[in-house]
C-alpha cells in the first residue's frame, strides 16, 4: 500500500466549528486545560476527568501496552500504520478538544483501514480493545477510508480497565456505504474520551452506532460533515448509566453541502444514586446547504431516584431554503399507560416493566444490523434490568 507524507493542517476541515465548538487544531496550546466553566465542559465532572487531560500522564510503555488490540479483517481490506502527518491521517479529523489533541500527540502509529472501491464486505471488520491497567493511559488513532461505491461495517468493542484517549476518523467517499459500531463495554473503573469524526461524500451513506454501558466516565464526541450533495448520515446511540457512572455523548452535524440528510436518535436509561447521562446535540445548517433534511432526538428513561439526565438539542440555521429540520428531547419515568395496558392483560408487573424498557431500546438495537452484537446488547439490557426491575416469575403470563 502507498502512503504519502503530508503536513497536518487544521484547515483541512475548515468550517467544522460553530459558536458551541472551539476552532479545531492539532496544536495542544490551542486546547488549554479546562476548568469546567467552559460551555463544552460544564456538564463533565472535571476531577474525574483530570487523568485524561494531563499532558504528563502515565502512558503506554514499549512492550507493556495498556490496551491490547485484536484485529479481524476480511479479505480485500488493506491495513497499514500511519505516523503523525502521514496521509490520510489528519485529512478528516482535526482535534476539537484537549483529549483528542493529546490522543493524536501520544499515538505514534495509527491503524489505517482501507476498503477498496466497489468492494462489498460480507463480514464486518472487528477491532477488540481490551484494557489491562486502570492506572495508566492509552492513546489510539484509527483511520478508516471507504473508497467510492464500497460497502462495509466496522465494529469497535472496548472491554477491561484502562484510561483511554481515542480518535477515529472516517472518510466515506462518493457512493460508499459504511457502518461504524462502537461498543463501550468497559469495567467499572475505566475512563474513556473519544472523538469520532466522519466526512460523507456525494451520495454516500454513513451509519454510526454508539453504545455505552460500562466505565466510570465515558465522554464521546461524534462529528459529521459532508463532501458533496446527496450524502446521508444516521447517528444512533444507546446508553445505560448505573450508580455513580457518568456517560456523556456530544454530537455535531455540519450540513455544509446541499441536499444532504441527517437523522440522530439517542436513547438512554439511568438507574442508581448519582447516575448521570449527558447528551448534547448540535446541527449546523450552512448558507450553502439548501434542500437539506435533518432531525435529532434524545430520549431518557429514569428508572430510580437519584439519577440525573441532561439533554440539550441545538439547531443553528443559516438558510431558510431547507426541506425540513427539527429536534426533540424527553426525559421521564416508566409510562404508566403502557404498564397498565400490559398488566390489565395478565402480564406480571415485573415482566411488564421489562417489556416497556426493552421496547424503548429495541428500535436502536435492531439498527445495528449484526446479529451477534444485537443479541449481546439485548442480554446486557436484560442484565441491567435485573438489578432495578427484577426478574419476572417464570410462570408469568404473556397472553392478551
Foldseek 3Di string as FASTA:
>chain_A
DDWAFAAQDLCLVPPQDDPLFDRFALDLVSADDDDCPRNVRVVPPCVLCVLLQDLPFAAQDVPRHQKDKDKDDDPQKDKDWDAHRMPPPNNWDGDGHRNQSSLNVQDGTAIEIERDALAEDPDAIEMEIEGDDQRYEYRYEYEYEYPAQYEHEYEYEYEYHYEYRYEYEYEQEHNYEYEYEYAAHYAAAHHYEYEYEYEWEALYEYEYEYEHEHYLEYAYEYEYEYHEANYEYEYEYEYEFEANHEYEYEYEYEQPAANYEYEAEYEYEYYHAAGEYEYEAEYEHDQRHAAYEYEHEYEYEYQYPRYYYHYHYYYHYDHPRYPYYYYYYYYYYQDPVQLCVQVVFQFDSLVSSLVRVCVRCVVSLVVSVDVVSSVVVNVVSVVVSCVRSNDDPPPGDRGD
